[in-house]
C-alpha atoms as a PDB file:
ATOM      1  CA  MET A   1     -10.313 -39.104  19.771  1.00  0.00           C
ATOM      2  CA  SER A   2     -11.793 -36.324  17.607  1.00  0.00           C
ATOM      3  CA  GLN A   3     -10.837 -35.995  13.962  1.00  0.00           C
ATOM      4  CA  GLU A   4      -8.102 -33.481  13.113  1.00  0.00           C
ATOM      5  CA  HIS A   5      -9.322 -30.114  11.860  1.00  0.00           C
ATOM      6  CA  PRO A   6      -8.613 -29.546   8.121  1.00  0.00           C
ATOM      7  CA  PHE A   7      -6.662 -26.371   8.916  1.00  0.00           C
ATOM      8  CA  ALA A   8      -4.409 -28.036  11.500  1.00  0.00           C
ATOM      9  CA  PRO A   9      -1.811 -29.239   8.945  1.00  0.00           C
ATOM     10  CA  TYR A  10      -1.044 -25.653   7.970  1.00  0.00           C
ATOM     11  CA  VAL A  11      -0.368 -24.675  11.573  1.00  0.00           C
ATOM     12  CA  ARG A  12       1.780 -27.784  11.973  1.00  0.00           C
ATOM     13  CA  ILE A  13       3.877 -27.003   8.873  1.00  0.00           C
ATOM     14  CA  LEU A  14       4.759 -23.602  10.361  1.00  0.00           C
ATOM     15  CA  GLY A  15       5.192 -24.682  13.977  1.00  0.00           C
ATOM     16  CA  LYS A  16       7.229 -27.910  14.035  1.00  0.00           C
ATOM     17  CA  GLY A  17      10.305 -26.204  15.419  1.00  0.00           C
ATOM     18  CA  LYS A  18      13.549 -24.904  13.962  1.00  0.00           C
ATOM     19  CA  LYS A  19      14.362 -28.093  12.054  1.00  0.00           C
ATOM     20  CA  GLY A  20      10.898 -29.375  11.239  1.00  0.00           C
ATOM     21  CA  SER A  21       9.031 -26.250  10.189  1.00  0.00           C
ATOM     22  CA  ARG A  22       9.057 -24.627   6.757  1.00  0.00           C
ATOM     23  CA  SER A  23       7.260 -21.987   4.738  1.00  0.00           C
ATOM     24  CA  LEU A  24       4.061 -22.859   2.928  1.00  0.00           C
ATOM     25  CA  THR A  25       4.096 -23.487  -0.792  1.00  0.00           C
ATOM     26  CA  THR A  26       2.059 -21.143  -2.982  1.00  0.00           C
ATOM     27  CA  GLU A  27      -0.680 -23.779  -3.285  1.00  0.00           C
ATOM     28  CA  GLU A  28      -0.758 -24.419   0.473  1.00  0.00           C
ATOM     29  CA  ALA A  29      -0.881 -20.692   1.200  1.00  0.00           C
ATOM     30  CA  ARG A  30      -3.718 -20.197  -1.266  1.00  0.00           C
ATOM     31  CA  ASP A  31      -5.737 -22.998   0.309  1.00  0.00           C
ATOM     32  CA  ALA A  32      -5.028 -21.829   3.869  1.00  0.00           C
ATOM     33  CA  MET A  33      -6.023 -18.240   3.131  1.00  0.00           C
ATOM     34  CA  GLY A  34      -9.131 -19.488   1.357  1.00  0.00           C
ATOM     35  CA  MET A  35     -10.201 -21.305   4.513  1.00  0.00           C
ATOM     36  CA  ILE A  36      -9.554 -18.160   6.571  1.00  0.00           C
ATOM     37  CA  LEU A  37     -11.591 -15.991   4.203  1.00  0.00           C
ATOM     38  CA  ASP A  38     -14.423 -18.539   4.206  1.00  0.00           C
ATOM     39  CA  ASP A  39     -14.516 -18.656   8.047  1.00  0.00           C
ATOM     40  CA  LYS A  40     -13.484 -22.303   8.148  1.00  0.00           C
ATOM     41  CA  VAL A  41     -10.825 -21.923  10.871  1.00  0.00           C
ATOM     42  CA  GLU A  42     -11.083 -21.710  14.639  1.00  0.00           C
ATOM     43  CA  PRO A  43      -9.984 -18.476  16.389  1.00  0.00           C
ATOM     44  CA  GLU A  44      -7.135 -20.316  18.121  1.00  0.00           C
ATOM     45  CA  GLN A  45      -5.893 -21.603  14.779  1.00  0.00           C
ATOM     46  CA  LEU A  46      -6.038 -18.156  13.188  1.00  0.00           C
ATOM     47  CA  GLY A  47      -4.020 -16.553  15.972  1.00  0.00           C
ATOM     48  CA  ALA A  48      -1.396 -19.284  15.919  1.00  0.00           C
ATOM     49  CA  PHE A  49      -1.157 -19.208  12.125  1.00  0.00           C
ATOM     50  CA  LEU A  50      -0.713 -15.429  11.922  1.00  0.00           C
ATOM     51  CA  MET A  51       1.910 -15.236  14.644  1.00  0.00           C
ATOM     52  CA  LEU A  52       3.914 -18.218  13.401  1.00  0.00           C
ATOM     53  CA  ILE A  53       4.238 -16.545  10.025  1.00  0.00           C
ATOM     54  CA  ARG A  54       5.040 -13.228  11.707  1.00  0.00           C
ATOM     55  CA  ILE A  55       7.907 -14.838  13.657  1.00  0.00           C
ATOM     56  CA  LYS A  56       9.570 -16.402  10.616  1.00  0.00           C
ATOM     57  CA  GLU A  57       8.556 -13.521   8.259  1.00  0.00           C
ATOM     58  CA  GLU A  58       6.423 -14.047   5.177  1.00  0.00           C
ATOM     59  CA  ALA A  59       7.890 -15.744   2.116  1.00  0.00           C
ATOM     60  CA  PRO A  60       7.041 -14.207  -1.276  1.00  0.00           C
ATOM     61  CA  GLU A  61       5.539 -17.531  -2.399  1.00  0.00           C
ATOM     62  CA  GLU A  62       3.233 -17.504   0.631  1.00  0.00           C
ATOM     63  CA  LEU A  63       2.129 -13.961  -0.085  1.00  0.00           C
ATOM     64  CA  GLN A  64       1.518 -14.923  -3.693  1.00  0.00           C
ATOM     65  CA  GLY A  65      -0.821 -17.727  -2.608  1.00  0.00           C
ATOM     66  CA  PHE A  66      -2.573 -15.511  -0.065  1.00  0.00           C
ATOM     67  CA  ALA A  67      -3.169 -12.811  -2.676  1.00  0.00           C
ATOM     68  CA  GLN A  68      -4.482 -15.332  -5.189  1.00  0.00           C
ATOM     69  CA  ALA A  69      -7.050 -16.556  -2.662  1.00  0.00           C
ATOM     70  CA  VAL A  70      -8.216 -13.020  -1.913  1.00  0.00           C
ATOM     71  CA  ARG A  71      -8.403 -12.018  -5.565  1.00  0.00           C
ATOM     72  CA  ALA A  72     -10.492 -15.090  -6.391  1.00  0.00           C
ATOM     73  CA  ARG A  73     -13.128 -13.899  -3.927  1.00  0.00           C
ATOM     74  CA  MET A  74     -13.141 -10.178  -4.836  1.00  0.00           C
ATOM     75  CA  GLN A  75     -14.169 -10.500  -8.472  1.00  0.00           C
ATOM     76  CA  PRO A  76     -14.349  -6.841  -9.584  1.00  0.00           C
ATOM     77  CA  PRO A  77     -15.992  -6.206 -12.978  1.00  0.00           C
ATOM     78  CA  ALA A  78     -13.679  -7.242 -15.804  1.00  0.00           C
ATOM     79  CA  GLU A  79     -14.096  -3.872 -17.540  1.00  0.00           C
ATOM     80  CA  LEU A  80     -13.040  -1.901 -14.450  1.00  0.00           C
ATOM     81  CA  THR A  81      -9.406  -0.812 -14.800  1.00  0.00           C
ATOM     82  CA  ALA A  82      -6.895   1.529 -13.190  1.00  0.00           C
ATOM     83  CA  ASP A  83      -3.516   2.787 -14.348  1.00  0.00           C
ATOM     84  CA  LEU A  84      -1.973   2.755 -10.872  1.00  0.00           C
ATOM     85  CA  ASP A  85      -2.718   0.752  -7.729  1.00  0.00           C
ATOM     86  CA  TRP A  86      -1.690   2.640  -4.552  1.00  0.00           C
ATOM     87  CA  SER A  87      -1.909   0.911  -1.176  1.00  0.00           C
ATOM     88  CA  SER A  88      -2.163   2.901   2.081  1.00  0.00           C
ATOM     89  CA  TYR A  89      -2.270   0.825   5.260  1.00  0.00           C
ATOM     90  CA  ALA A  90       0.281   2.219   7.712  1.00  0.00           C
ATOM     91  CA  GLY A  91      -1.088   5.649   8.594  1.00  0.00           C
ATOM     92  CA  LYS A  92       1.077   8.637   9.477  1.00  0.00           C
ATOM     93  CA  LYS A  93       2.150   9.610  12.985  1.00  0.00           C
ATOM     94  CA  ARG A  94       4.843  12.285  12.799  1.00  0.00           C
ATOM     95  CA  ARG A  95       3.971  13.889   9.466  1.00  0.00           C
ATOM     96  CA  LEU A  96       0.829  14.538   7.461  1.00  0.00           C
ATOM     97  CA  PRO A  97      -0.037  12.104   4.632  1.00  0.00           C
ATOM     98  CA  TRP A  98       1.517  14.261   1.902  1.00  0.00           C
ATOM     99  CA  PHE A  99       1.600  11.265  -0.450  1.00  0.00           C
ATOM    100  CA  LEU A 100      -2.145  11.705  -0.935  1.00  0.00           C
ATOM    101  CA  LEU A 101      -1.478  14.976  -2.749  1.00  0.00           C
ATOM    102  CA  ALA A 102       0.988  13.228  -5.047  1.00  0.00           C
ATOM    103  CA  ALA A 103      -1.690  10.651  -5.899  1.00  0.00           C
ATOM    104  CA  LEU A 104      -4.269  13.375  -6.509  1.00  0.00           C
ATOM    105  CA  ALA A 105      -1.831  15.286  -8.712  1.00  0.00           C
ATOM    106  CA  LEU A 106      -1.435  12.167 -10.854  1.00  0.00           C
ATOM    107  CA  ALA A 107      -5.215  11.885 -11.076  1.00  0.00           C
ATOM    108  CA  ASP A 108      -5.404  15.557 -12.040  1.00  0.00           C
ATOM    109  CA  ALA A 109      -2.925  14.806 -14.845  1.00  0.00           C
ATOM    110  CA  GLY A 110      -5.146  12.024 -16.221  1.00  0.00           C
ATOM    111  CA  ILE A 111      -3.761   8.924 -14.466  1.00  0.00           C
ATOM    112  CA  ARG A 112      -6.474   6.614 -13.102  1.00  0.00           C
ATOM    113  CA  VAL A 113      -5.438   5.923  -9.487  1.00  0.00           C
ATOM    114  CA  PHE A 114      -7.102   3.267  -7.333  1.00  0.00           C
ATOM    115  CA  MET A 115      -6.108   3.548  -3.680  1.00  0.00           C
ATOM    116  CA  HIS A 116      -7.066   1.107  -0.929  1.00  0.00           C
ATOM    117  CA  GLY A 117      -6.263   1.033   2.762  1.00  0.00           C
ATOM    118  CA  ALA A 118      -7.286   0.572   6.368  1.00  0.00           C
ATOM    119  CA  ARG A 119      -7.636   2.824   9.375  1.00  0.00           C
ATOM    120  CA  GLY A 120      -7.947   2.705  13.135  1.00  0.00           C
ATOM    121  CA  HIS A 121      -5.727  -0.308  13.858  1.00  0.00           C
ATOM    122  CA  THR A 122      -2.955   1.754  15.515  1.00  0.00           C
ATOM    123  CA  PRO A 123      -3.867   4.638  17.872  1.00  0.00           C
ATOM    124  CA  GLY A 124      -2.449   8.089  17.242  1.00  0.00           C
ATOM    125  CA  ARG A 125      -2.081   7.785  13.472  1.00  0.00           C
ATOM    126  CA  ILE A 126      -3.699   9.724  10.639  1.00  0.00           C
ATOM    127  CA  TYR A 127      -5.137   7.443   7.971  1.00  0.00           C
ATOM    128  CA  THR A 128      -5.926   8.308   4.370  1.00  0.00           C
ATOM    129  CA  GLU A 129      -9.607   7.592   4.786  1.00  0.00           C
ATOM    130  CA  ASP A 130      -9.752  10.131   7.626  1.00  0.00           C
ATOM    131  CA  VAL A 131      -8.779  13.049   5.368  1.00  0.00           C
ATOM    132  CA  LEU A 132     -10.630  12.241   2.144  1.00  0.00           C
ATOM    133  CA  ALA A 133     -13.786  14.133   3.091  1.00  0.00           C
ATOM    134  CA  GLN A 134     -12.090  17.521   3.076  1.00  0.00           C
ATOM    135  CA  PHE A 135     -11.277  16.893  -0.601  1.00  0.00           C
ATOM    136  CA  GLY A 136     -14.898  15.972  -1.301  1.00  0.00           C
ATOM    137  CA  ILE A 137     -14.005  12.311  -1.793  1.00  0.00           C
ATOM    138  CA  SER A 138     -16.000   9.464  -0.265  1.00  0.00           C
ATOM    139  CA  ALA A 139     -14.656   5.980   0.351  1.00  0.00           C
ATOM    140  CA  CYS A 140     -16.291   3.609  -2.133  1.00  0.00           C
ATOM    141  CA  ALA A 141     -18.641   0.982  -0.755  1.00  0.00           C
ATOM    142  CA  ASP A 142     -18.709  -1.191  -3.899  1.00  0.00           C
ATOM    143  CA  TRP A 143     -17.185  -1.620  -7.338  1.00  0.00           C
ATOM    144  CA  ALA A 144     -19.898   0.479  -8.986  1.00  0.00           C
ATOM    145  CA  ALA A 145     -18.807   3.468  -6.888  1.00  0.00           C
ATOM    146  CA  VAL A 146     -15.160   2.786  -7.764  1.00  0.00           C
ATOM    147  CA  GLY A 147     -16.003   2.837 -11.447  1.00  0.00           C
ATOM    148  CA  GLU A 148     -17.971   6.044 -11.111  1.00  0.00           C
ATOM    149  CA  GLN A 149     -15.243   7.887  -9.207  1.00  0.00           C
ATOM    150  CA  LEU A 150     -12.499   6.707 -11.544  1.00  0.00           C
ATOM    151  CA  SER A 151     -14.537   7.917 -14.506  1.00  0.00           C
ATOM    152  CA  GLN A 152     -15.341  11.283 -12.954  1.00  0.00           C
ATOM    153  CA  LYS A 153     -12.205  12.053 -10.925  1.00  0.00           C
ATOM    154  CA  ASN A 154      -9.506   9.574 -12.011  1.00  0.00           C
ATOM    155  CA  PHE A 155      -9.234   8.681  -8.318  1.00  0.00           C
ATOM    156  CA  ALA A 156     -11.083   6.214  -6.102  1.00  0.00           C
ATOM    157  CA  PHE A 157     -10.475   4.911  -2.599  1.00  0.00           C
ATOM    158  CA  MET A 158     -11.859   1.715  -1.115  1.00  0.00           C
ATOM    159  CA  SER A 159     -11.410   0.527   2.451  1.00  0.00           C
ATOM    160  CA  ILE A 160     -10.253  -3.013   3.052  1.00  0.00           C
ATOM    161  CA  ASP A 161     -13.472  -3.365   5.068  1.00  0.00           C
ATOM    162  CA  ALA A 162     -15.411  -3.148   1.802  1.00  0.00           C
ATOM    163  CA  LEU A 163     -12.743  -4.725  -0.396  1.00  0.00           C
ATOM    164  CA  ALA A 164     -12.212  -7.866   1.703  1.00  0.00           C
ATOM    165  CA  PRO A 165     -14.182  -7.648   4.979  1.00  0.00           C
ATOM    166  CA  ARG A 166     -12.499 -10.665   6.572  1.00  0.00           C
ATOM    167  CA  LEU A 167      -9.073  -9.087   6.096  1.00  0.00           C
ATOM    168  CA  GLY A 168     -10.434  -5.865   7.583  1.00  0.00           C
ATOM    169  CA  GLN A 169     -11.470  -7.791  10.686  1.00  0.00           C
ATOM    170  CA  ILE A 170      -8.049  -9.413  10.999  1.00  0.00           C
ATOM    171  CA  ILE A 171      -6.235  -6.088  10.665  1.00  0.00           C
ATOM    172  CA  GLN A 172      -8.208  -4.811  13.643  1.00  0.00           C
ATOM    173  CA  LEU A 173      -6.747  -7.648  15.752  1.00  0.00           C
ATOM    174  CA  ARG A 174      -3.528  -5.686  16.115  1.00  0.00           C
ATOM    175  CA  PRO A 175      -4.385  -4.452  19.668  1.00  0.00           C
ATOM    176  CA  VAL A 176      -5.356  -8.008  20.616  1.00  0.00           C
ATOM    177  CA  LEU A 177      -2.238  -9.706  19.246  1.00  0.00           C
ATOM    178  CA  GLY A 178       0.088  -6.850  20.170  1.00  0.00           C
ATOM    179  CA  LEU A 179       1.722  -7.060  16.737  1.00  0.00           C
ATOM    180  CA  ARG A 180       0.843  -6.440  13.155  1.00  0.00           C
ATOM    181  CA  SER A 181       0.065  -9.663  11.328  1.00  0.00           C
ATOM    182  CA  PRO A 182       1.014 -10.870   7.822  1.00  0.00           C
ATOM    183  CA  VAL A 183      -2.331  -9.510   6.650  1.00  0.00           C
ATOM    184  CA  HIS A 184      -0.884  -5.984   6.838  1.00  0.00           C
ATOM    185  CA  THR A 185       1.709  -7.069   4.279  1.00  0.00           C
ATOM    186  CA  LEU A 186      -0.787  -9.002   2.178  1.00  0.00           C
ATOM    187  CA  CYS A 187      -3.213  -6.104   1.795  1.00  0.00           C
ATOM    188  CA  ARG A 188      -0.513  -3.844   0.381  1.00  0.00           C
ATOM    189  CA  LEU A 189       0.111  -6.346  -2.425  1.00  0.00           C
ATOM    190  CA  LEU A 190      -3.444  -7.210  -3.444  1.00  0.00           C
ATOM    191  CA  ASN A 191      -3.686  -4.934  -6.522  1.00  0.00           C
ATOM    192  CA  PRO A 192      -7.411  -5.800  -6.817  1.00  0.00           C
ATOM    193  CA  LEU A 193      -7.868  -4.364 -10.320  1.00  0.00           C
ATOM    194  CA  GLN A 194      -4.561  -5.898 -11.441  1.00  0.00           C
ATOM    195  CA  ALA A 195      -3.264  -2.526 -12.575  1.00  0.00           C
ATOM    196  CA  GLU A 196      -0.101  -2.631 -14.645  1.00  0.00           C
ATOM    197  CA  CYS A 197       1.608  -0.283 -12.160  1.00  0.00           C
ATOM    198  CA  CYS A 198       1.641  -0.590  -8.355  1.00  0.00           C
ATOM    199  CA  ILE A 199       3.139   1.512  -5.578  1.00  0.00           C
ATOM    200  CA  ASP A 200       3.390   0.624  -1.890  1.00  0.00           C
ATOM    201  CA  GLY A 201       5.423   1.487   1.184  1.00  0.00           C
ATOM    202  CA  VAL A 202       7.248  -0.367   3.949  1.00  0.00           C
ATOM    203  CA  PHE A 203       8.927   0.644   7.202  1.00  0.00           C
ATOM    204  CA  HIS A 204      11.211  -2.280   8.027  1.00  0.00           C
ATOM    205  CA  PRO A 205      14.077  -2.801   5.513  1.00  0.00           C
ATOM    206  CA  PRO A 206      13.670  -6.597   4.994  1.00  0.00           C
ATOM    207  CA  TYR A 207      10.120  -6.128   3.736  1.00  0.00           C
ATOM    208  CA  ALA A 208      11.057  -4.081   0.659  1.00  0.00           C
ATOM    209  CA  PRO A 209      12.656  -6.944  -1.321  1.00  0.00           C
ATOM    210  CA  MET A 210       9.876  -9.237  -0.061  1.00  0.00           C
ATOM    211  CA  HIS A 211       7.242  -6.924  -1.576  1.00  0.00           C
ATOM    212  CA  GLN A 212       9.301  -6.559  -4.734  1.00  0.00           C
ATOM    213  CA  LYS A 213       9.588 -10.316  -5.288  1.00  0.00           C
ATOM    214  CA  THR A 214       5.911 -10.915  -4.491  1.00  0.00           C
ATOM    215  CA  ALA A 215       4.835  -8.274  -7.010  1.00  0.00           C
ATOM    216  CA  GLN A 216       6.931 -10.052  -9.609  1.00  0.00           C
ATOM    217  CA  LEU A 217       5.403 -13.440  -8.752  1.00  0.00           C
ATOM    218  CA  LEU A 218       1.911 -11.954  -9.039  1.00  0.00           C
ATOM    219  CA  GLY A 219       2.680 -10.743 -12.524  1.00  0.00           C
ATOM    220  CA  THR A 220       2.801  -7.006 -11.841  1.00  0.00           C
ATOM    221  CA  ALA A 221       4.636  -5.447 -14.784  1.00  0.00           C
ATOM    222  CA  PHE A 222       5.784  -2.267 -13.033  1.00  0.00           C
ATOM    223  CA  SER A 223       6.065  -1.906  -9.270  1.00  0.00           C
ATOM    224  CA  LEU A 224       7.672   0.503  -6.816  1.00  0.00           C
ATOM    225  CA  THR A 225       8.171  -0.233  -3.126  1.00  0.00           C
ATOM    226  CA  ILE A 226       9.331   2.749  -1.081  1.00  0.00           C
ATOM    227  CA  ARG A 227      10.907   2.482   2.324  1.00  0.00           C
ATOM    228  CA  GLY A 228       8.804   5.466   3.183  1.00  0.00           C
ATOM    229  CA  ASP A 229       7.807   7.736   6.015  1.00  0.00           C
ATOM    230  CA  GLY A 230       5.881   5.774   8.638  1.00  0.00           C
ATOM    231  CA  GLY A 231       5.603   2.811   6.284  1.00  0.00           C
ATOM    232  CA  GLU A 232       3.542   4.639   3.678  1.00  0.00           C
ATOM    233  CA  ALA A 233       4.538   5.107   0.033  1.00  0.00           C
ATOM    234  CA  GLU A 234       5.956   8.572   0.702  1.00  0.00           C
ATOM    235  CA  MET A 235       9.553   9.641   0.171  1.00  0.00           C
ATOM    236  CA  LYS A 236      11.310  11.692   2.815  1.00  0.00           C
ATOM    237  CA  PRO A 237      12.690  14.842   1.171  1.00  0.00           C
ATOM    238  CA  ASP A 238      15.316  15.308   3.896  1.00  0.00           C
ATOM    239  CA  SER A 239      16.631  11.739   3.678  1.00  0.00           C
ATOM    240  CA  ASP A 240      17.922   9.562   0.848  1.00  0.00           C
ATOM    241  CA  SER A 241      15.141   7.333  -0.515  1.00  0.00           C
ATOM    242  CA  GLU A 242      15.478   3.565  -0.834  1.00  0.00           C
ATOM    243  CA  LEU A 243      13.464   2.406  -3.846  1.00  0.00           C
ATOM    244  CA  HIS A 244      12.803  -1.150  -5.026  1.00  0.00           C
ATOM    245  CA  TRP A 245      11.526  -1.517  -8.592  1.00  0.00           C
ATOM    246  CA  VAL A 246       9.991  -4.174 -10.782  1.00  0.00           C
ATOM    247  CA  MET A 247      10.359  -3.148 -14.422  1.00  0.00           C
ATOM    248  CA  LYS A 248       9.077  -5.864 -16.744  1.00  0.00           C
ATOM    249  CA  GLU A 249      10.336  -8.664 -14.486  1.00  0.00           C
ATOM    250  CA  GLN A 250      13.673  -6.935 -13.864  1.00  0.00           C
ATOM    251  CA  LEU A 251      14.282  -6.292 -10.149  1.00  0.00           C
ATOM    252  CA  THR A 252      16.426  -3.293  -9.263  1.00  0.00           C
ATOM    253  CA  GLU A 253      17.241  -1.201  -6.201  1.00  0.00           C
ATOM    254  CA  GLU A 254      18.064   2.510  -6.214  1.00  0.00           C
ATOM    255  CA  PHE A 255      18.838   5.238  -3.726  1.00  0.00           C
ATOM    256  CA  TRP A 256      17.548   8.643  -4.809  1.00  0.00           C
ATOM    257  CA  PRO A 257      19.256  11.637  -3.201  1.00  0.00           C
ATOM    258  CA  ARG A 258      17.406  13.817  -0.723  1.00  0.00           C
ATOM    259  CA  LEU A 259      16.007  17.163  -1.833  1.00  0.00           C
ATOM    260  CA  TYR A 260      17.088  18.965   1.335  1.00  0.00           C
ATOM    261  CA  ALA A 261      20.572  18.705   2.814  1.00  0.00           C
ATOM    262  CA  GLN A 262      19.406  19.083   6.415  1.00  0.00           C
ATOM    263  CA  ARG A 263      16.605  17.445   8.391  1.00  0.00           C
ATOM    264  CA  LEU A 264      13.518  19.619   8.765  1.00  0.00           C
ATOM    265  CA  VAL A 265      11.884  20.164  12.143  1.00  0.00           C
ATOM    266  CA  ARG A 266       8.558  18.390  12.682  1.00  0.00           C
ATOM    267  CA  GLU A 267       5.452  20.292  13.727  1.00  0.00           C
ATOM    268  CA  ASP A 268       4.305  19.950  17.324  1.00  0.00           C
ATOM    269  CA  GLU A 269       0.732  19.458  16.104  1.00  0.00           C
ATOM    270  CA  LEU A 270      -0.566  18.159  12.782  1.00  0.00           C
ATOM    271  CA  ASP A 271      -3.495  19.904  11.098  1.00  0.00           C
ATOM    272  CA  THR A 272      -4.966  17.834   8.250  1.00  0.00           C
ATOM    273  CA  GLU A 273      -6.564  20.954   6.757  1.00  0.00           C
ATOM    274  CA  ASP A 274      -3.033  21.999   5.785  1.00  0.00           C
ATOM    275  CA  LEU A 275      -3.204  19.400   3.011  1.00  0.00           C
ATOM    276  CA  LEU A 276      -6.065  21.156   1.250  1.00  0.00           C
ATOM    277  CA  ARG A 277      -4.596  24.600   1.874  1.00  0.00           C
ATOM    278  CA  PHE A 278      -1.313  23.454   0.387  1.00  0.00           C
ATOM    279  CA  TRP A 279      -3.082  22.036  -2.683  1.00  0.00           C
ATOM    280  CA  ARG A 280      -4.842  25.363  -3.206  1.00  0.00           C
ATOM    281  CA  GLY A 281      -1.593  27.307  -2.909  1.00  0.00           C
ATOM    282  CA  GLU A 282      -2.746  29.045   0.284  1.00  0.00           C
ATOM    283  CA  LEU A 283       0.044  27.579   2.423  1.00  0.00           C
ATOM    284  CA  VAL A 284       3.824  27.391   2.158  1.00  0.00           C
ATOM    285  CA  HIS A 285       5.165  24.176   3.674  1.00  0.00           C
ATOM    286  CA  GLU A 286       8.766  23.230   2.934  1.00  0.00           C
ATOM    287  CA  TYR A 287       8.585  19.628   4.088  1.00  0.00           C
ATOM    288  CA  GLY A 288       5.199  19.090   2.476  1.00  0.00           C
ATOM    289  CA  GLU A 289       6.402  20.419  -0.852  1.00  0.00           C
ATOM    290  CA  GLY A 290       9.491  18.217  -0.764  1.00  0.00           C
ATOM    291  CA  ALA A 291       7.487  15.128   0.183  1.00  0.00           C
ATOM    292  CA  VAL A 292       4.945  15.692  -2.588  1.00  0.00           C
ATOM    293  CA  ILE A 293       7.535  16.447  -5.257  1.00  0.00           C
ATOM    294  CA  SER A 294       9.874  13.555  -4.411  1.00  0.00           C
ATOM    295  CA  THR A 295       7.006  11.045  -4.107  1.00  0.00           C
ATOM    296  CA  LEU A 296       5.447  12.324  -7.313  1.00  0.00           C
ATOM    297  CA  ALA A 297       8.806  11.965  -9.069  1.00  0.00           C
ATOM    298  CA  GLY A 298       8.993   8.276  -8.180  1.00  0.00           C
ATOM    299  CA  ALA A 299       5.373   7.717  -9.211  1.00  0.00           C
ATOM    300  CA  LEU A 300       5.937   9.425 -12.558  1.00  0.00           C
ATOM    301  CA  ARG A 301       8.893   7.194 -13.292  1.00  0.00           C
ATOM    302  CA  LEU A 302       6.746   4.192 -12.386  1.00  0.00           C
ATOM    303  CA  VAL A 303       3.828   5.070 -14.683  1.00  0.00           C
ATOM    304  CA  SER A 304       6.256   5.928 -17.492  1.00  0.00           C
ATOM    305  CA  LYS A 305       6.850   2.143 -17.648  1.00  0.00           C
ATOM    306  CA  GLY A 306      10.591   2.161 -17.977  1.00  0.00           C
ATOM    307  CA  GLN A 307      11.417   5.532 -19.510  1.00  0.00           C
ATOM    308  CA  GLN A 308      15.044   6.308 -18.736  1.00  0.00           C
ATOM    309  CA  LYS A 309      15.791   9.598 -16.971  1.00  0.00           C
ATOM    310  CA  SER A 310      17.903  10.654 -14.010  1.00  0.00           C
ATOM    311  CA  ALA A 311      16.360  11.175 -10.583  1.00  0.00           C
ATOM    312  CA  ALA A 312      16.907  14.930 -11.003  1.00  0.00           C
ATOM    313  CA  GLU A 313      14.975  14.901 -14.283  1.00  0.00           C
ATOM    314  CA  TRP A 314      12.066  13.031 -12.699  1.00  0.00           C
ATOM    315  CA  VAL A 315      12.032  15.587  -9.881  1.00  0.00           C
ATOM    316  CA  GLU A 316      11.817  18.390 -12.451  1.00  0.00           C
ATOM    317  CA  ASP A 317       8.933  16.585 -14.189  1.00  0.00           C
ATOM    318  CA  ALA A 318       7.228  16.267 -10.809  1.00  0.00           C
ATOM    319  CA  ARG A 319       7.594  20.005 -10.163  1.00  0.00           C
ATOM    320  CA  GLN A 320       5.971  20.776 -13.493  1.00  0.00           C
ATOM    321  CA  CYS A 321       3.157  18.294 -12.864  1.00  0.00           C
ATOM    322  CA  TRP A 322       2.533  19.832  -9.441  1.00  0.00           C
ATOM    323  CA  GLN A 323       2.563  23.392 -10.809  1.00  0.00           C
ATOM    324  CA  LYS A 324      -0.007  22.426 -13.457  1.00  0.00           C
ATOM    325  CA  ARG A 325      -2.507  21.036 -10.944  1.00  0.00           C
ATOM    326  CA  ASP A 326      -5.988  22.537 -10.860  1.00  0.00           C
ATOM    327  CA  LEU A 327      -5.963  24.685  -7.711  1.00  0.00           C
ATOM    328  CA  THR A 328      -9.788  24.765  -7.747  1.00  0.00           C
ATOM    329  CA  ARG A 329     -10.252  21.004  -8.217  1.00  0.00           C
ATOM    330  CA  PHE A 330     -11.260  20.561  -4.592  1.00  0.00           C
ATOM    331  CA  GLY A 331     -13.270  23.738  -4.088  1.00  0.00           C
END
């Protein structure tokens, strides 16, 4: 009889049935993810592992261990820093990615924003990386490029394919598995540069407190998880926004009121060039303006690191920040 594979115990822990199975400890999760990243698991084991966790839903302690394993293998330069980590992995289907303009407005105001994401795993969606070129921004292939773009533009984007290639491969298994895997959750929480402030989005309600608790376990001082449009970190201006915060280890939940009383009609077709036209002030777009302002308001509160103001006051600050943007920045 052949010897048991070293990864088999982790599959067994998750798959021993309703009474026998349990979540992994942080240490077990870190070791298991390390084996996955180092290509020390069989394809059958990987598929079983991912789907077993998907069925039970990830535990914050598991995600903590997974993230620790990934971070240990990334090793960005110690001197490379960002003020805000912004994850973008869902893509947009029914609306344009207006949140990108909020991130760029922060960069224009002097906040160093590092954004990371993936594309192509779900057909019919618009991904951040797909629209960067029209703003003259290239996805960074290495940490040197990240440092250069942060220094020159206060904004840098890196694909998960460059950040952690093995995770990029697993994300692309979505059409094969028929479901998103825990890696989609993990990537949102990586915070590779260990920025003091992090923002991410979720679609399904149970994932918001999961992200919130994981951010706390990973030592993130200030975090915002938005139950956002399409699963991205983008507030809906015509719907109340569910926000989950970490503020110096204090976990809180808020509902910010919508900017518009009535739902706005969606466009029949999405034109990504509208993003640049709107930045330049060449286009009036009611939904786009509301999405940018409301998302920017939440981000401003986040990077203020606990400054106390009402939601209405943060919205007014966001309007002023947006009005002060350099219309020619992306000429």
